């Protein structure tokens, strides 16, 4: 169970990191328009 929880935390952090990077790129494109 602890192994599964640990994997879930890493996966959630990875998803949030990708989401933040895409959000910054999208925001920069909007500012250029």
N, C-alpha and C. Protein backbone atom coordinates (compact mmCIF):
# COMPACT_ATOMS: atom_id res chain seq x y z
N UNK A 1 0.84 -1.20 0.00
CA UNK A 1 0.00 0.00 0.00
C UNK A 1 0.87 1.25 0.00
N UNK A 2 1.94 1.23 0.80
CA UNK A 2 2.82 2.40 0.89
C UNK A 2 3.53 2.63 -0.46
N UNK A 3 3.87 1.52 -1.13
CA UNK A 3 4.52 1.63 -2.44
C UNK A 3 3.57 2.31 -3.44
N UNK A 4 2.30 1.93 -3.38
CA UNK A 4 1.31 2.49 -4.29
C UNK A 4 1.10 3.98 -4.00
N UNK A 5 1.07 4.34 -2.71
CA UNK A 5 0.88 5.73 -2.32
C UNK A 5 2.08 6.56 -2.77
N UNK A 6 3.28 6.00 -2.62
CA UNK A 6 4.49 6.70 -3.02
C UNK A 6 4.48 6.96 -4.53
N UNK A 7 4.07 5.97 -5.30
CA UNK A 7 4.00 6.12 -6.76
C UNK A 7 2.96 7.16 -7.14
N UNK A 8 1.84 7.19 -6.42
CA UNK A 8 0.78 8.15 -6.70
C UNK A 8 1.28 9.58 -6.45
N UNK A 9 2.06 9.77 -5.38
CA UNK A 9 2.58 11.10 -5.07
C UNK A 9 3.55 11.56 -6.14
N UNK A 10 4.43 10.66 -6.60
CA UNK A 10 5.39 11.01 -7.65
C UNK A 10 4.65 11.34 -8.95
N UNK A 11 3.63 10.53 -9.26
CA UNK A 11 2.86 10.74 -10.49
C UNK A 11 2.13 12.08 -10.44
N UNK A 12 1.56 12.41 -9.28
CA UNK A 12 0.84 13.68 -9.13
C UNK A 12 1.80 14.86 -9.27
N UNK A 13 2.98 14.74 -8.70
CA UNK A 13 3.97 15.81 -8.81
C UNK A 13 4.43 15.99 -10.25
N UNK A 14 4.58 14.87 -10.97
CA UNK A 14 4.99 14.92 -12.37
C UNK A 14 3.92 15.59 -13.23
N UNK A 15 2.65 15.25 -12.97
CA UNK A 15 1.54 15.85 -13.72
C UNK A 15 1.46 17.35 -13.45
N UNK A 16 1.62 17.76 -12.19
CA UNK A 16 1.54 19.18 -11.85
C UNK A 16 2.69 19.96 -12.47
N UNK A 17 3.88 19.33 -12.54
CA UNK A 17 5.04 19.99 -13.13
C UNK A 17 4.81 20.22 -14.63
N UNK A 18 4.31 19.20 -15.32
CA UNK A 18 4.03 19.33 -16.75
C UNK A 18 2.93 20.37 -16.98
N UNK A 19 1.91 20.35 -16.14
CA UNK A 19 0.82 21.31 -16.27
C UNK A 19 1.30 22.74 -16.09
N UNK A 20 2.19 22.96 -15.12
CA UNK A 20 2.72 24.30 -14.87
C UNK A 20 3.55 24.79 -16.05
N UNK A 21 4.37 23.91 -16.63
CA UNK A 21 5.22 24.30 -17.76
C UNK A 21 4.36 24.65 -18.97
N UNK A 22 3.32 23.84 -19.24
CA UNK A 22 2.43 24.13 -20.36
C UNK A 22 1.68 25.44 -20.13
N UNK A 23 1.30 25.71 -18.87
CA UNK A 23 0.58 26.94 -18.55
C UNK A 23 1.46 28.16 -18.81
N UNK A 24 2.75 28.07 -18.44
CA UNK A 24 3.66 29.19 -18.67
C UNK A 24 3.86 29.44 -20.16
N UNK A 25 4.03 28.37 -20.94
CA UNK A 25 4.20 28.51 -22.39
C UNK A 25 2.95 29.12 -23.01
N UNK A 26 1.78 28.65 -22.60
CA UNK A 26 0.52 29.16 -23.13
C UNK A 26 0.35 30.64 -22.78
N UNK A 27 0.74 31.02 -21.57
CA UNK A 27 0.62 32.41 -21.12
C UNK A 27 1.54 33.31 -21.93
N UNK A 28 2.76 32.84 -22.23
CA UNK A 28 3.70 33.64 -23.02
C UNK A 28 3.17 33.85 -24.43
N UNK A 29 2.55 32.83 -25.02
CA UNK A 29 1.98 32.95 -26.37
C UNK A 29 0.84 33.97 -26.36
N UNK A 30 0.01 33.95 -25.31
CA UNK A 30 -1.09 34.91 -25.22
C UNK A 30 -0.56 36.33 -25.08
N UNK A 31 0.51 36.52 -24.33
CA UNK A 31 1.07 37.85 -24.12
C UNK A 31 1.68 38.39 -25.41
N UNK A 32 2.18 37.50 -26.28
CA UNK A 32 2.76 37.96 -27.54
C UNK A 32 1.68 38.41 -28.51
N UNK A 33 0.47 37.85 -28.39
CA UNK A 33 -0.64 38.24 -29.27
C UNK A 33 -1.23 39.55 -28.79
